[in-house]
Amino acid sequence: MIALPAGSKIWLVAGVTDMRCGFHGLASKVQNILSADPFSGHLFVFRGKSGVLLKVLWADRDGLCLFTKHLERGRFAWPLSHDGRIHLTPAQLSMLLEGIDWRHPKRTEKPGLRI
């Protein structure tokens, strides 16, 4: 994944997005629905109705970038909220992009005292 500049935040856009939207349509949604600046350097993550397609909008200093991922098996884990945005950590975004349920990750080893 591309390294993000310090201070960049990752915002998951709750609800369903029309995946026919491109750069300008998604940037418009960020401005009008979230009242945020799509050129802020933050990442905005959108998911379609079927749950298998995800788009990430990000503006670097040269212009807008659009990353798209389609899962061949499974669906992207998404919150139940129908509006607004949810802050994700880089680790949660990585899990999301891999098709892992980032909301309930499980450790493979129980934390405990090591001797």
PDB file of N, CA and C in Angstrom:
ATOM      1  N   MET A   1       0.837  -1.178   0.000  1.00  0.00           N
ATOM      2  CA  MET A   1       0.000   0.000   0.000  1.00  0.00           C
ATOM      3  C   MET A   1       0.879   1.238   0.000  1.00  0.00           C
ATOM      4  N   ILE A   2       0.368   2.315  -0.501  1.00  0.00           N
ATOM      5  CA  ILE A   2       1.088   3.581  -0.560  1.00  0.00           C
ATOM      6  C   ILE A   2       1.199   4.160   0.846  1.00  0.00           C
ATOM      7  N   ALA A   3       2.374   4.634   1.201  1.00  0.00           N
ATOM      8  CA  ALA A   3       2.564   5.262   2.510  1.00  0.00           C
ATOM      9  C   ALA A   3       1.867   6.614   2.512  1.00  0.00           C
ATOM     10  N   LEU A   4       1.114   6.868   3.556  1.00  0.00           N
ATOM     11  CA  LEU A   4       0.363   8.112   3.665  1.00  0.00           C
ATOM     12  C   LEU A   4       1.167   9.150   4.423  1.00  0.00           C
ATOM     13  N   PRO A   5       1.012  10.415   4.053  1.00  0.00           N
ATOM     14  CA  PRO A   5       1.703  11.477   4.783  1.00  0.00           C
ATOM     15  C   PRO A   5       1.210  11.551   6.227  1.00  0.00           C
ATOM     16  N   ALA A   6       2.058  12.020   7.105  1.00  0.00           N
ATOM     17  CA  ALA A   6       1.686  12.177   8.513  1.00  0.00           C
ATOM     18  C   ALA A   6       0.464  13.067   8.609  1.00  0.00           C
ATOM     19  N   GLY A   7      -0.448  12.711   9.479  1.00  0.00           N
ATOM     20  CA  GLY A   7      -1.653  13.511   9.679  1.00  0.00           C
ATOM     21  C   GLY A   7      -2.829  13.086   8.817  1.00  0.00           C
ATOM     22  N   SER A   8      -2.606  12.170   7.884  1.00  0.00           N
ATOM     23  CA  SER A   8      -3.714  11.691   7.052  1.00  0.00           C
ATOM     24  C   SER A   8      -4.617  10.798   7.881  1.00  0.00           C
ATOM     25  N   LYS A   9      -5.910  10.964   7.707  1.00  0.00           N
ATOM     26  CA  LYS A   9      -6.885  10.135   8.406  1.00  0.00           C
ATOM     27  C   LYS A   9      -7.623   9.288   7.380  1.00  0.00           C
ATOM     28  N   ILE A  10      -8.149   8.179   7.841  1.00  0.00           N
ATOM     29  CA  ILE A  10      -8.894   7.267   6.979  1.00  0.00           C
ATOM     30  C   ILE A  10     -10.340   7.295   7.440  1.00  0.00           C
ATOM     31  N   TRP A  11     -11.233   7.676   6.528  1.00  0.00           N
ATOM     32  CA  TRP A  11     -12.643   7.776   6.853  1.00  0.00           C
ATOM     33  C   TRP A  11     -13.442   6.776   6.026  1.00  0.00           C
ATOM     34  N   LEU A  12     -14.165   5.918   6.699  1.00  0.00           N
ATOM     35  CA  LEU A  12     -15.068   4.990   6.047  1.00  0.00           C
ATOM     36  C   LEU A  12     -16.411   5.718   5.921  1.00  0.00           C
ATOM     37  N   VAL A  13     -16.920   5.834   4.706  1.00  0.00           N
ATOM     38  CA  VAL A  13     -18.180   6.533   4.470  1.00  0.00           C
ATOM     39  C   VAL A  13     -19.310   5.524   4.641  1.00  0.00           C
ATOM     40  N   ALA A  14     -20.084   5.668   5.708  1.00  0.00           N
ATOM     41  CA  ALA A  14     -21.140   4.710   6.039  1.00  0.00           C
ATOM     42  C   ALA A  14     -22.255   4.759   5.001  1.00  0.00           C
ATOM     43  N   GLY A  15     -23.000   3.677   4.930  1.00  0.00           N
ATOM     44  CA  GLY A  15     -24.097   3.584   3.979  1.00  0.00           C
ATOM     45  C   GLY A  15     -23.630   2.986   2.667  1.00  0.00           C
ATOM     46  N   VAL A  16     -24.519   3.021   1.678  1.00  0.00           N
ATOM     47  CA  VAL A  16     -24.256   2.437   0.366  1.00  0.00           C
ATOM     48  C   VAL A  16     -23.988   3.551  -0.630  1.00  0.00           C
ATOM     49  N   THR A  17     -22.999   3.348  -1.480  1.00  0.00           N
ATOM     50  CA  THR A  17     -22.630   4.327  -2.502  1.00  0.00           C
ATOM     51  C   THR A  17     -22.839   3.724  -3.884  1.00  0.00           C
ATOM     52  N   ASP A  18     -23.306   4.541  -4.811  1.00  0.00           N
ATOM     53  CA  ASP A  18     -23.439   4.121  -6.201  1.00  0.00           C
ATOM     54  C   ASP A  18     -22.028   3.984  -6.776  1.00  0.00           C
ATOM     55  N   MET A  19     -21.619   2.773  -7.084  1.00  0.00           N
ATOM     56  CA  MET A  19     -20.258   2.516  -7.527  1.00  0.00           C
ATOM     57  C   MET A  19     -20.002   2.956  -8.972  1.00  0.00           C
ATOM     58  N   ARG A  20     -21.005   3.530  -9.636  1.00  0.00           N
ATOM     59  CA  ARG A  20     -20.766   4.118 -10.958  1.00  0.00           C
ATOM     60  C   ARG A  20     -20.069   5.468 -10.823  1.00  0.00           C
ATOM     61  N   CYS A  21     -20.055   6.014  -9.605  1.00  0.00           N
ATOM     62  CA  CYS A  21     -19.397   7.307  -9.362  1.00  0.00           C
ATOM     63  C   CYS A  21     -17.896   7.177  -9.555  1.00  0.00           C
ATOM     64  N   GLY A  22     -17.314   8.201 -10.126  1.00  0.00           N
ATOM     65  CA  GLY A  22     -15.874   8.268 -10.306  1.00  0.00           C
ATOM     66  C   GLY A  22     -15.286   9.339  -9.412  1.00  0.00           C
ATOM     67  N   PHE A  23     -14.164   9.907  -9.851  1.00  0.00           N
ATOM     68  CA  PHE A  23     -13.468  10.930  -9.062  1.00  0.00           C
ATOM     69  C   PHE A  23     -14.402  12.047  -8.618  1.00  0.00           C
ATOM     70  N   HIS A  24     -15.053  12.670  -9.578  1.00  0.00           N
ATOM     71  CA  HIS A  24     -15.844  13.872  -9.288  1.00  0.00           C
ATOM     72  C   HIS A  24     -17.094  13.554  -8.475  1.00  0.00           C
ATOM     73  N   GLY A  25     -17.757  12.439  -8.777  1.00  0.00           N
ATOM     74  CA  GLY A  25     -18.953  12.055  -8.035  1.00  0.00           C
ATOM     75  C   GLY A  25     -18.652  11.746  -6.580  1.00  0.00           C
ATOM     76  N   LEU A  26     -17.576  11.024  -6.333  1.00  0.00           N
ATOM     77  CA  LEU A  26     -17.206  10.697  -4.953  1.00  0.00           C
ATOM     78  C   LEU A  26     -16.723  11.937  -4.206  1.00  0.00           C
ATOM     79  N   ALA A  27     -15.967  12.799  -4.881  1.00  0.00           N
ATOM     80  CA  ALA A  27     -15.518  14.050  -4.251  1.00  0.00           C
ATOM     81  C   ALA A  27     -16.720  14.917  -3.880  1.00  0.00           C
ATOM     82  N   SER A  28     -17.732  14.924  -4.736  1.00  0.00           N
ATOM     83  CA  SER A  28     -18.956  15.670  -4.448  1.00  0.00           C
ATOM     84  C   SER A  28     -19.666  15.114  -3.221  1.00  0.00           C
ATOM     85  N   LYS A  29     -19.702  13.786  -3.077  1.00  0.00           N
ATOM     86  CA  LYS A  29     -20.318  13.170  -1.904  1.00  0.00           C
ATOM     87  C   LYS A  29     -19.557  13.554  -0.629  1.00  0.00           C
ATOM     88  N   VAL A  30     -18.244  13.572  -0.708  1.00  0.00           N
ATOM     89  CA  VAL A  30     -17.443  13.960   0.460  1.00  0.00           C
ATOM     90  C   VAL A  30     -17.784  15.388   0.869  1.00  0.00           C
ATOM     91  N   GLN A  31     -17.901  16.286  -0.111  1.00  0.00           N
ATOM     92  CA  GLN A  31     -18.212  17.689   0.190  1.00  0.00           C
ATOM     93  C   GLN A  31     -19.635  17.868   0.686  1.00  0.00           C
ATOM     94  N   ASN A  32     -20.604  17.318  -0.032  1.00  0.00           N
ATOM     95  CA  ASN A  32     -22.013  17.597   0.254  1.00  0.00           C
ATOM     96  C   ASN A  32     -22.603  16.760   1.379  1.00  0.00           C
ATOM     97  N   ILE A  33     -22.230  15.506   1.485  1.00  0.00           N
ATOM     98  CA  ILE A  33     -22.820  14.635   2.501  1.00  0.00           C
ATOM     99  C   ILE A  33     -22.039  14.685   3.808  1.00  0.00           C
ATOM    100  N   LEU A  34     -20.705  14.655   3.714  1.00  0.00           N
ATOM    101  CA  LEU A  34     -19.877  14.638   4.923  1.00  0.00           C
ATOM    102  C   LEU A  34     -19.409  16.019   5.368  1.00  0.00           C
ATOM    103  N   SER A  35     -19.626  17.016   4.515  1.00  0.00           N
ATOM    104  CA  SER A  35     -19.134  18.381   4.787  1.00  0.00           C
ATOM    105  C   SER A  35     -17.632  18.367   5.061  1.00  0.00           C
ATOM    106  N   ALA A  36     -16.917  17.588   4.258  1.00  0.00           N
ATOM    107  CA  ALA A  36     -15.467  17.485   4.399  1.00  0.00           C
ATOM    108  C   ALA A  36     -14.807  17.914   3.084  1.00  0.00           C
ATOM    109  N   ASP A  37     -13.521  18.155   3.138  1.00  0.00           N
ATOM    110  CA  ASP A  37     -12.758  18.569   1.965  1.00  0.00           C
ATOM    111  C   ASP A  37     -12.105  17.349   1.317  1.00  0.00           C
ATOM    112  N   PRO A  38     -12.512  16.983   0.099  1.00  0.00           N
ATOM    113  CA  PRO A  38     -11.919  15.808  -0.552  1.00  0.00           C
ATOM    114  C   PRO A  38     -10.448  16.000  -0.912  1.00  0.00           C
ATOM    115  N   PHE A  39      -9.971  17.234  -0.886  1.00  0.00           N
ATOM    116  CA  PHE A  39      -8.575  17.531  -1.213  1.00  0.00           C
ATOM    117  C   PHE A  39      -7.715  17.721   0.032  1.00  0.00           C
ATOM    118  N   SER A  40      -8.209  17.241   1.178  1.00  0.00           N
ATOM    119  CA  SER A  40      -7.517  17.421   2.465  1.00  0.00           C
ATOM    120  C   SER A  40      -6.333  16.477   2.648  1.00  0.00           C
ATOM    121  N   GLY A  41      -6.244  15.445   1.817  1.00  0.00           N
ATOM    122  CA  GLY A  41      -5.197  14.452   1.994  1.00  0.00           C
ATOM    123  C   GLY A  41      -5.667  13.243   2.791  1.00  0.00           C
ATOM    124  N   HIS A  42      -6.906  13.294   3.279  1.00  0.00           N
ATOM    125  CA  HIS A  42      -7.478  12.164   3.989  1.00  0.00           C
ATOM    126  C   HIS A  42      -8.022  11.150   2.982  1.00  0.00           C
ATOM    127  N   LEU A  43      -8.149   9.902   3.403  1.00  0.00           N
ATOM    128  CA  LEU A  43      -8.717   8.855   2.557  1.00  0.00           C
ATOM    129  C   LEU A  43     -10.192   8.699   2.894  1.00  0.00           C
ATOM    130  N   PHE A  44     -11.011   8.514   1.856  1.00  0.00           N
ATOM    131  CA  PHE A  44     -12.438   8.296   2.021  1.00  0.00           C
ATOM    132  C   PHE A  44     -12.778   6.976   1.342  1.00  0.00           C
ATOM    133  N   VAL A  45     -13.326   6.039   2.123  1.00  0.00           N
ATOM    134  CA  VAL A  45     -13.581   4.677   1.653  1.00  0.00           C
ATOM    135  C   VAL A  45     -15.083   4.492   1.452  1.00  0.00           C
ATOM    136  N   PHE A  46     -15.472   4.022   0.262  1.00  0.00           N
ATOM    137  CA  PHE A  46     -16.873   3.828  -0.112  1.00  0.00           C
ATOM    138  C   PHE A  46     -17.104   2.363  -0.465  1.00  0.00           C
ATOM    139  N   ARG A  47     -18.330   1.869  -0.199  1.00  0.00           N
ATOM    140  CA  ARG A  47     -18.691   0.501  -0.569  1.00  0.00           C
ATOM    141  C   ARG A  47     -20.026   0.503  -1.299  1.00  0.00           C
ATOM    142  N   GLY A  48     -20.138  -0.382  -2.283  1.00  0.00           N
ATOM    143  CA  GLY A  48     -21.367  -0.514  -3.048  1.00  0.00           C
ATOM    144  C   GLY A  48     -22.387  -1.388  -2.346  1.00  0.00           C
ATOM    145  N   LYS A  49     -23.568  -1.485  -2.948  1.00  0.00           N
ATOM    146  CA  LYS A  49     -24.684  -2.222  -2.358  1.00  0.00           C
ATOM    147  C   LYS A  49     -24.401  -3.707  -2.206  1.00  0.00           C
ATOM    148  N   SER A  50     -23.753  -4.312  -3.189  1.00  0.00           N
ATOM    149  CA  SER A  50     -23.504  -5.757  -3.130  1.00  0.00           C
ATOM    150  C   SER A  50     -22.442  -6.127  -2.101  1.00  0.00           C
ATOM    151  N   GLY A  51     -21.592  -5.182  -1.718  1.00  0.00           N
ATOM    152  CA  GLY A  51     -20.572  -5.438  -0.703  1.00  0.00           C
ATOM    153  C   GLY A  51     -19.299  -6.058  -1.224  1.00  0.00           C
ATOM    154  N   VAL A  52     -19.188  -6.236  -2.542  1.00  0.00           N
ATOM    155  CA  VAL A  52     -17.975  -6.842  -3.096  1.00  0.00           C
ATOM    156  C   VAL A  52     -17.053  -5.823  -3.750  1.00  0.00           C
ATOM    157  N   LEU A  53     -17.516  -4.579  -3.905  1.00  0.00           N
ATOM    158  CA  LEU A  53     -16.713  -3.532  -4.544  1.00  0.00           C
ATOM    159  C   LEU A  53     -16.480  -2.398  -3.567  1.00  0.00           C
ATOM    160  N   LEU A  54     -15.238  -1.946  -3.507  1.00  0.00           N
ATOM    161  CA  LEU A  54     -14.841  -0.887  -2.598  1.00  0.00           C
ATOM    162  C   LEU A  54     -14.023   0.139  -3.375  1.00  0.00           C
ATOM    163  N   LYS A  55     -14.218   1.422  -3.095  1.00  0.00           N
ATOM    164  CA  LYS A  55     -13.428   2.492  -3.718  1.00  0.00           C
ATOM    165  C   LYS A  55     -12.859   3.388  -2.630  1.00  0.00           C
ATOM    166  N   VAL A  56     -11.614   3.792  -2.820  1.00  0.00           N
ATOM    167  CA  VAL A  56     -10.939   4.696  -1.891  1.00  0.00           C
ATOM    168  C   VAL A  56     -10.531   5.943  -2.663  1.00  0.00           C
ATOM    169  N   LEU A  57     -10.998   7.101  -2.200  1.00  0.00           N
ATOM    170  CA  LEU A  57     -10.660   8.387  -2.811  1.00  0.00           C
ATOM    171  C   LEU A  57      -9.616   9.071  -1.945  1.00  0.00           C
ATOM    172  N   TRP A  58      -8.560   9.545  -2.585  1.00  0.00           N
ATOM    173  CA  TRP A  58      -7.476  10.205  -1.854  1.00  0.00           C
ATOM    174  C   TRP A  58      -6.874  11.278  -2.745  1.00  0.00           C
ATOM    175  N   ALA A  59      -6.612  12.431  -2.179  1.00  0.00           N
ATOM    176  CA  ALA A  59      -5.975  13.517  -2.923  1.00  0.00           C
ATOM    177  C   ALA A  59      -4.564  13.702  -2.407  1.00  0.00           C
ATOM    178  N   ASP A  60      -3.598  13.586  -3.317  1.00  0.00           N
ATOM    179  CA  ASP A  60      -2.231  13.925  -2.934  1.00  0.00           C
ATOM    180  C   ASP A  60      -1.952  15.328  -3.482  1.00  0.00           C
ATOM    181  N   ARG A  61      -0.728  15.768  -3.455  1.00  0.00           N
ATOM    182  CA  ARG A  61      -0.438  17.141  -3.886  1.00  0.00           C
ATOM    183  C   ARG A  61      -0.598  17.347  -5.389  1.00  0.00           C
ATOM    184  N   ASP A  62      -0.660  16.256  -6.157  1.00  0.00           N
ATOM    185  CA  ASP A  62      -0.770  16.371  -7.610  1.00  0.00           C
ATOM    186  C   ASP A  62      -2.189  16.211  -8.131  1.00  0.00           C
ATOM    187  N   GLY A  63      -3.110  15.675  -7.341  1.00  0.00           N
ATOM    188  CA  GLY A  63      -4.484  15.487  -7.789  1.00  0.00           C
ATOM    189  C   GLY A  63      -5.165  14.340  -7.070  1.00  0.00           C
ATOM    190  N   LEU A  64      -6.349  13.985  -7.558  1.00  0.00           N
ATOM    191  CA  LEU A  64      -7.131  12.913  -6.940  1.00  0.00           C
ATOM    192  C   LEU A  64      -6.649  11.539  -7.392  1.00  0.00           C
ATOM    193  N   CYS A  65      -6.694  10.590  -6.470  1.00  0.00           N
ATOM    194  CA  CYS A  65      -6.369   9.191  -6.757  1.00  0.00           C
ATOM    195  C   CYS A  65      -7.603   8.366  -6.413  1.00  0.00           C
ATOM    196  N   LEU A  66      -7.856   7.334  -7.206  1.00  0.00           N
ATOM    197  CA  LEU A  66      -8.992   6.456  -6.943  1.00  0.00           C
ATOM    198  C   LEU A  66      -8.512   5.015  -6.996  1.00  0.00           C
ATOM    199  N   PHE A  67      -8.650   4.332  -5.863  1.00  0.00           N
ATOM    200  CA  PHE A  67      -8.258   2.926  -5.736  1.00  0.00           C
ATOM    201  C   PHE A  67      -9.537   2.108  -5.687  1.00  0.00           C
ATOM    202  N   THR A  68      -9.605   1.050  -6.465  1.00  0.00           N
ATOM    203  CA  THR A  68     -10.783   0.183  -6.498  1.00  0.00           C
ATOM    204  C   THR A  68     -10.379  -1.255  -6.218  1.00  0.00           C
ATOM    205  N   LYS A  69     -11.178  -1.961  -5.405  1.00  0.00           N
ATOM    206  CA  LYS A  69     -10.922  -3.375  -5.146  1.00  0.00           C
ATOM    207  C   LYS A  69     -12.233  -4.139  -5.224  1.00  0.00           C
ATOM    208  N   HIS A  70     -12.191  -5.282  -5.902  1.00  0.00           N
ATOM    209  CA  HIS A  70     -13.334  -6.176  -6.045  1.00  0.00           C
ATOM    210  C   HIS A  70     -12.963  -7.512  -5.413  1.00  0.00           C
ATOM    211  N   LEU A  71     -13.762  -7.955  -4.428  1.00  0.00           N
ATOM    212  CA  LEU A  71     -13.504  -9.249  -3.796  1.00  0.00           C
ATOM    213  C   LEU A  71     -14.106 -10.362  -4.647  1.00  0.00           C
ATOM    214  N   GLU A  72     -13.331 -11.380  -4.899  1.00  0.00           N
ATOM    215  CA  GLU A  72     -13.827 -12.534  -5.655  1.00  0.00           C
ATOM    216  C   GLU A  72     -14.675 -13.446  -4.776  1.00  0.00           C
ATOM    217  N   ARG A  73     -14.336 -13.510  -3.477  1.00  0.00           N
ATOM    218  CA  ARG A  73     -15.097 -14.312  -2.519  1.00  0.00           C
ATOM    219  C   ARG A  73     -15.343 -13.463  -1.280  1.00  0.00           C
ATOM    220  N   GLY A  74     -16.525 -13.582  -0.727  1.00  0.00           N
ATOM    221  CA  GLY A  74     -16.852 -12.849   0.491  1.00  0.00           C
ATOM    222  C   GLY A  74     -17.317 -11.435   0.197  1.00  0.00           C
ATOM    223  N   ARG A  75     -17.477 -10.674   1.278  1.00  0.00           N
ATOM    224  CA  ARG A  75     -17.927  -9.286   1.191  1.00  0.00           C
ATOM    225  C   ARG A  75     -17.091  -8.432   2.134  1.00  0.00           C
ATOM    226  N   PHE A  76     -17.021  -7.151   1.836  1.00  0.00           N
ATOM    227  CA  PHE A  76     -16.325  -6.226   2.721  1.00  0.00           C
ATOM    228  C   PHE A  76     -17.180  -5.985   3.963  1.00  0.00           C
ATOM    229  N   ALA A  77     -16.563  -6.083   5.148  1.00  0.00           N
ATOM    230  CA  ALA A  77     -17.260  -5.826   6.410  1.00  0.00           C
ATOM    231  C   ALA A  77     -17.587  -4.347   6.489  1.00  0.00           C
ATOM    232  N   TRP A  78     -18.835  -4.038   6.808  1.00  0.00           N
ATOM    233  CA  TRP A  78     -19.288  -2.645   6.817  1.00  0.00           C
ATOM    234  C   TRP A  78     -20.126  -2.386   8.050  1.00  0.00           C
ATOM    235  N   PRO A  79     -20.062  -1.193   8.626  1.00  0.00           N
ATOM    236  CA  PRO A  79     -20.850  -0.884   9.829  1.00  0.00           C
ATOM    237  C   PRO A  79     -22.339  -0.785   9.504  1.00  0.00           C
ATOM    238  N   LEU A  80     -23.176  -0.908  10.527  1.00  0.00           N
ATOM    239  CA  LEU A  80     -24.615  -0.832  10.350  1.00  0.00           C
ATOM    240  C   LEU A  80     -25.119   0.591  10.169  1.00  0.00           C
ATOM    241  N   SER A  81     -24.330   1.577  10.518  1.00  0.00           N
ATOM    242  CA  SER A  81     -24.713   2.973  10.376  1.00  0.00           C
ATOM    243  C   SER A  81     -25.022   3.290   8.912  1.00  0.00           C
ATOM    244  N   HIS A  82     -26.062   4.048   8.683  1.00  0.00           N
ATOM    245  CA  HIS A  82     -26.480   4.360   7.315  1.00  0.00           C
ATOM    246  C   HIS A  82     -26.004   5.727   6.840  1.00  0.00           C
ATOM    247  N   ASP A  83     -25.444   6.524   7.729  1.00  0.00           N
ATOM    248  CA  ASP A  83     -24.938   7.832   7.309  1.00  0.00           C
ATOM    249  C   ASP A  83     -23.743   8.215   8.166  1.00  0.00           C
ATOM    250  N   GLY A  84     -23.028   9.214   7.717  1.00  0.00           N
ATOM    251  CA  GLY A  84     -21.870   9.692   8.446  1.00  0.00           C
ATOM    252  C   GLY A  84     -20.593   8.988   8.045  1.00  0.00           C
ATOM    253  N   ARG A  85     -19.594   9.140   8.878  1.00  0.00           N
ATOM    254  CA  ARG A  85     -18.291   8.543   8.597  1.00  0.00           C
ATOM    255  C   ARG A  85     -17.708   7.972   9.872  1.00  0.00           C
ATOM    256  N   ILE A  86     -16.826   7.006   9.690  1.00  0.00           N
ATOM    257  CA  ILE A  86     -16.200   6.313  10.811  1.00  0.00           C
ATOM    258  C   ILE A  86     -14.700   6.335  10.589  1.00  0.00           C
ATOM    259  N   HIS A  87     -13.957   6.694  11.626  1.00  0.00           N
ATOM    260  CA  HIS A  87     -12.497   6.754  11.524  1.00  0.00           C
ATOM    261  C   HIS A  87     -11.915   5.347  11.607  1.00  0.00           C
ATOM    262  N   LEU A  88     -10.997   5.024  10.700  1.00  0.00           N
ATOM    263  CA  LEU A  88     -10.293   3.740  10.710  1.00  0.00           C
ATOM    264  C   LEU A  88      -8.805   3.978  10.942  1.00  0.00           C
ATOM    265  N   THR A  89      -8.164   3.012  11.554  1.00  0.00           N
ATOM    266  CA  THR A  89      -6.711   3.040  11.678  1.00  0.00           C
ATOM    267  C   THR A  89      -6.120   2.412  10.405  1.00  0.00           C
ATOM    268  N   PRO A  90      -4.845   2.635  10.129  1.00  0.00           N
ATOM    269  CA  PRO A  90      -4.225   1.957   8.981  1.00  0.00           C
ATOM    270  C   PRO A  90      -4.332   0.437   9.073  1.00  0.00           C
ATOM    271  N   ALA A  91      -4.241  -0.119  10.280  1.00  0.00           N
ATOM    272  CA  ALA A  91      -4.365  -1.572  10.452  1.00  0.00           C
ATOM    273  C   ALA A  91      -5.771  -2.035  10.087  1.00  0.00           C
ATOM    274  N   GLN A  92      -6.793  -1.282  10.491  1.00  0.00           N
ATOM    275  CA  GLN A  92      -8.171  -1.637  10.151  1.00  0.00           C
ATOM    276  C   GLN A  92      -8.404  -1.552   8.639  1.00  0.00           C
ATOM    277  N   LEU A  93      -7.818  -0.543   7.994  1.00  0.00           N
ATOM    278  CA  LEU A  93      -7.944  -0.436   6.536  1.00  0.00           C
ATOM    279  C   LEU A  93      -7.293  -1.627   5.855  1.00  0.00           C
ATOM    280  N   SER A  94      -6.136  -2.046   6.335  1.00  0.00           N
ATOM    281  CA  SER A  94      -5.457  -3.214   5.764  1.00  0.00           C
ATOM    282  C   SER A  94      -6.318  -4.461   5.890  1.00  0.00           C
ATOM    283  N   MET A  95      -6.933  -4.639   7.070  1.00  0.00           N
ATOM    284  CA  MET A  95      -7.821  -5.793   7.253  1.00  0.00           C
ATOM    285  C   MET A  95      -9.023  -5.707   6.316  1.00  0.00           C
ATOM    286  N   LEU A  96      -9.609  -4.526   6.211  1.00  0.00           N
ATOM    287  CA  LEU A  96     -10.754  -4.330   5.330  1.00  0.00           C
ATOM    288  C   LEU A  96     -10.411  -4.698   3.895  1.00  0.00           C
ATOM    289  N   LEU A  97      -9.271  -4.228   3.408  1.00  0.00           N
ATOM    290  CA  LEU A  97      -8.859  -4.495   2.032  1.00  0.00           C
ATOM    291  C   LEU A  97      -8.572  -5.973   1.787  1.00  0.00           C
ATOM    292  N   GLU A  98      -8.238  -6.712   2.840  1.00  0.00           N
ATOM    293  CA  GLU A  98      -7.978  -8.147   2.720  1.00  0.00           C
ATOM    294  C   GLU A  98      -9.251  -8.974   2.873  1.00  0.00           C
ATOM    295  N   GLY A  99     -10.377  -8.311   3.138  1.00  0.00           N
ATOM    296  CA  GLY A  99     -11.628  -9.037   3.311  1.00  0.00           C
ATOM    297  C   GLY A  99     -11.828  -9.568   4.711  1.00  0.00           C
ATOM    298  N   ILE A 100     -11.046  -9.070   5.671  1.00  0.00           N
ATOM    299  CA  ILE A 100     -11.142  -9.490   7.068  1.00  0.00           C
ATOM    300  C   ILE A 100     -12.103  -8.551   7.788  1.00  0.00           C
ATOM    301  N   ASP A 101     -12.915  -9.092   8.686  1.00  0.00           N
ATOM    302  CA  ASP A 101     -13.836  -8.261   9.452  1.00  0.00           C
ATOM    303  C   ASP A 101     -13.038  -7.435  10.457  1.00  0.00           C
ATOM    304  N   TRP A 102     -12.769  -6.194  10.140  1.00  0.00           N
ATOM    305  CA  TRP A 102     -11.956  -5.294  10.952  1.00  0.00           C
ATOM    306  C   TRP A 102     -12.657  -4.895  12.240  1.00  0.00           C
ATOM    307  N   ARG A 103     -13.976  -5.110  12.309  1.00  0.00           N
ATOM    308  CA  ARG A 103     -14.727  -4.699  13.503  1.00  0.00           C
ATOM    309  C   ARG A 103     -14.510  -5.648  14.670  1.00  0.00           C
ATOM    310  N   HIS A 104     -14.196  -6.929  14.374  1.00  0.00           N
ATOM    311  CA  HIS A 104     -14.021  -7.943  15.421  1.00  0.00           C
ATOM    312  C   HIS A 104     -12.792  -8.802  15.150  1.00  0.00           C
ATOM    313  N   PRO A 105     -11.614  -8.201  15.057  1.00  0.00           N
ATOM    314  CA  PRO A 105     -10.425  -9.036  14.829  1.00  0.00           C
ATOM    315  C   PRO A 105     -10.141  -9.893  16.056  1.00  0.00           C
ATOM    316  N   LYS A 106      -9.611 -11.055  15.811  1.00  0.00           N
ATOM    317  CA  LYS A 106      -9.301 -11.967  16.912  1.00  0.00           C
ATOM    318  C   LYS A 106      -7.814 -12.262  16.930  1.00  0.00           C
ATOM    319  N   ARG A 107      -7.257 -12.288  18.114  1.00  0.00           N
ATOM    320  CA  ARG A 107      -5.848 -12.642  18.289  1.00  0.00           C
ATOM    321  C   ARG A 107      -5.683 -14.138  18.169  1.00  0.00           C
ATOM    322  N   THR A 108      -4.561 -14.552  17.641  1.00  0.00           N
ATOM    323  CA  THR A 108      -4.284 -15.984  17.539  1.00  0.00           C
ATOM    324  C   THR A 108      -3.710 -16.515  18.832  1.00  0.00           C
ATOM    325  N   GLU A 109      -3.215 -15.616  19.665  1.00  0.00           N
ATOM    326  CA  GLU A 109      -2.603 -16.014  20.931  1.00  0.00           C
ATOM    327  C   GLU A 109      -3.190 -15.123  22.012  1.00  0.00           C
ATOM    328  N   LYS A 110      -3.532 -15.724  23.136  1.00  0.00           N
ATOM    329  CA  LYS A 110      -4.075 -14.946  24.234  1.00  0.00           C
ATOM    330  C   LYS A 110      -2.942 -14.204  24.938  1.00  0.00           C
ATOM    331  N   PRO A 111      -3.149 -12.905  25.203  1.00  0.00           N
ATOM    332  CA  PRO A 111      -2.112 -12.167  25.917  1.00  0.00           C
ATOM    333  C   PRO A 111      -1.942 -12.732  27.316  1.00  0.00           C
ATOM    334  N   GLY A 112      -0.742 -12.818  27.740  1.00  0.00           N
ATOM    335  CA  GLY A 112      -0.484 -13.360  29.071  1.00  0.00           C
ATOM    336  C   GLY A 112       0.919 -13.056  29.512  1.00  0.00           C
ATOM    337  N   LEU A 113       1.262 -13.554  30.625  1.00  0.00           N
ATOM    338  CA  LEU A 113       2.579 -13.351  31.187  1.00  0.00           C
ATOM    339  C   LEU A 113       3.572 -14.278  30.522  1.00  0.00           C
ATOM    340  N   ARG A 114       4.636 -13.738  29.993  1.00  0.00           N
ATOM    341  CA  ARG A 114       5.697 -14.554  29.391  1.00  0.00           C
ATOM    342  C   ARG A 114       6.842 -14.672  30.375  1.00  0.00           C
ATOM    343  N   ILE A 115       7.343 -15.865  30.482  1.00  0.00           N
ATOM    344  CA  ILE A 115       8.444 -16.089  31.421  1.00  0.00           C
ATOM    345  C   ILE A 115       9.680 -16.488  30.651  1.00  0.00           C
TER     346      ILE A 115
END
